[in-house]
């Protein structure tokens, strides 16, 4: 991982597949949403945290096994928000593209 970029690999197991043999879209979305938050932590002030406020996934092709490789990149970031894109490849082929926005809460701010 480098600041502003994260690469994660996920092995697709039978438990992630639907009855027709493709990975459930919710599993793929969860992988993307996880990367959306994690890529921000190295560049936020200590003690800060991020919460997803908007998220979308374009599913481009079905995933039926193998390894998914998600690459998250911070496209824009301010003190209060960030926009991240995530590209997911499965066995070298682009399977999904996601984009999300996070609100950044600074350590000194109260929750609520």
Protein backbone atom coordinates (compact mmCIF):
# COMPACT_ATOMS: atom_id res chain seq x y z
CA UNK A 1 0.00 0.00 0.00
CA UNK A 2 1.13 3.53 -0.74
CA UNK A 3 -0.57 6.70 0.45
CA UNK A 4 -3.71 7.20 -1.61
CA UNK A 5 -3.67 3.72 -3.19
CA UNK A 6 -4.59 0.27 -1.87
CA UNK A 7 -4.53 -3.17 -3.52
CA UNK A 8 -6.43 -6.07 -1.91
CA UNK A 9 -6.85 -9.66 -3.10
CA UNK A 10 -9.87 -11.80 -2.25
CA UNK A 11 -10.17 -15.52 -2.97
CA UNK A 12 -13.69 -16.37 -4.14
CA UNK A 13 -15.04 -19.42 -2.33
CA UNK A 14 -18.19 -21.50 -2.80
CA UNK A 15 -19.79 -19.61 0.11
CA UNK A 16 -19.67 -16.40 -1.98
CA UNK A 17 -21.55 -17.88 -4.95
CA UNK A 18 -25.24 -17.78 -5.76
CA UNK A 19 -27.22 -20.87 -6.77
CA UNK A 20 -26.33 -20.15 -10.43
CA UNK A 21 -22.60 -20.19 -9.68
CA UNK A 22 -21.72 -16.49 -9.74
CA UNK A 23 -20.38 -14.39 -6.89
CA UNK A 24 -23.17 -12.54 -5.11
CA UNK A 25 -23.10 -8.82 -5.94
CA UNK A 26 -23.32 -7.99 -2.25
CA UNK A 27 -20.00 -9.76 -1.61
CA UNK A 28 -18.35 -7.74 -4.36
CA UNK A 29 -19.91 -4.52 -3.03
CA UNK A 30 -18.68 -5.31 0.49
CA UNK A 31 -15.13 -5.79 -0.82
CA UNK A 32 -15.30 -2.41 -2.58
CA UNK A 33 -16.80 -0.60 0.43
CA UNK A 34 -14.11 -2.05 2.69
CA UNK A 35 -11.38 -0.77 0.35
CA UNK A 36 -13.13 2.61 0.15
CA UNK A 37 -12.60 3.19 3.86
CA UNK A 38 -9.25 1.49 4.38
CA UNK A 39 -7.44 3.46 1.65
CA UNK A 40 -8.17 6.68 3.57
CA UNK A 41 -6.69 5.83 6.97
CA UNK A 42 -2.99 6.34 6.10
CA UNK A 43 -3.70 9.90 4.89
CA UNK A 44 -6.12 11.05 7.61
CA UNK A 45 -4.99 12.72 10.84
CA UNK A 46 -4.45 10.23 13.71
CA UNK A 47 -7.68 9.33 15.51
CA UNK A 48 -9.90 10.38 12.60
CA UNK A 49 -12.35 8.02 10.94
CA UNK A 50 -14.31 7.82 7.70
CA UNK A 51 -17.93 6.87 7.00
CA UNK A 52 -19.35 6.02 3.58
CA UNK A 53 -22.02 8.53 2.55
CA UNK A 54 -22.52 7.54 -1.10
CA UNK A 55 -21.58 4.35 -2.93
CA UNK A 56 -22.25 2.77 -6.32
CA UNK A 57 -21.00 -0.27 -8.19
CA UNK A 58 -21.07 -0.98 -11.92
CA UNK A 59 -20.98 -4.75 -12.38
CA UNK A 60 -19.27 -5.44 -15.71
CA UNK A 61 -19.00 -9.24 -15.83
CA UNK A 62 -19.86 -12.16 -13.58
CA UNK A 63 -17.31 -13.61 -11.19
CA UNK A 64 -17.52 -17.37 -10.70
CA UNK A 65 -14.28 -18.20 -8.90
CA UNK A 66 -10.58 -17.47 -8.71
CA UNK A 67 -9.15 -14.33 -7.15
CA UNK A 68 -10.55 -10.80 -7.19
CA UNK A 69 -8.01 -7.99 -7.04
CA UNK A 70 -9.41 -4.64 -5.91
CA UNK A 71 -7.43 -1.45 -6.46
CA UNK A 72 -8.66 1.64 -4.62
CA UNK A 73 -7.43 5.14 -5.50
CA UNK A 74 -8.26 8.41 -3.77
CA UNK A 75 -9.47 10.71 -6.55
CA UNK A 76 -10.12 13.78 -4.40
CA UNK A 77 -9.78 14.51 -0.69
CA UNK A 78 -10.40 17.48 1.56
CA UNK A 79 -10.29 17.75 5.33
CA UNK A 80 -13.98 16.73 5.47
CA UNK A 81 -14.59 14.33 2.58
CA UNK A 82 -13.02 12.02 0.03
CA UNK A 83 -13.98 10.44 -3.29
CA UNK A 84 -12.49 7.03 -4.06
CA UNK A 85 -12.68 4.75 -7.11
CA UNK A 86 -12.23 0.99 -6.87
CA UNK A 87 -11.52 -1.28 -9.83
CA UNK A 88 -12.02 -5.02 -9.35
CA UNK A 89 -10.34 -7.51 -11.64
CA UNK A 90 -11.05 -11.24 -11.63
CA UNK A 91 -8.39 -13.43 -13.18
CA UNK A 92 -7.03 -10.39 -15.06
CA UNK A 93 -10.38 -9.19 -16.44
CA UNK A 94 -12.20 -6.09 -15.23
CA UNK A 95 -15.30 -7.26 -13.34
CA UNK A 96 -16.55 -4.11 -11.57
CA UNK A 97 -15.90 -0.42 -11.03
CA UNK A 98 -17.11 1.28 -7.86
CA UNK A 99 -17.05 4.85 -6.63
CA UNK A 100 -17.80 6.15 -3.20
CA UNK A 101 -17.76 9.28 -1.10
CA UNK A 102 -16.78 9.31 2.56
CA UNK A 103 -17.27 11.90 5.25
CA UNK A 104 -14.13 12.34 7.33
CA UNK A 105 -14.62 12.92 11.06
CA UNK A 106 -11.64 14.44 12.83
CA UNK A 107 -10.53 13.01 16.16
CA UNK A 108 -11.54 16.12 18.11
CA UNK A 109 -15.13 16.09 16.77
CA UNK A 110 -17.93 14.54 18.79
CA UNK A 111 -20.03 11.82 17.18
CA UNK A 112 -23.74 12.59 16.80
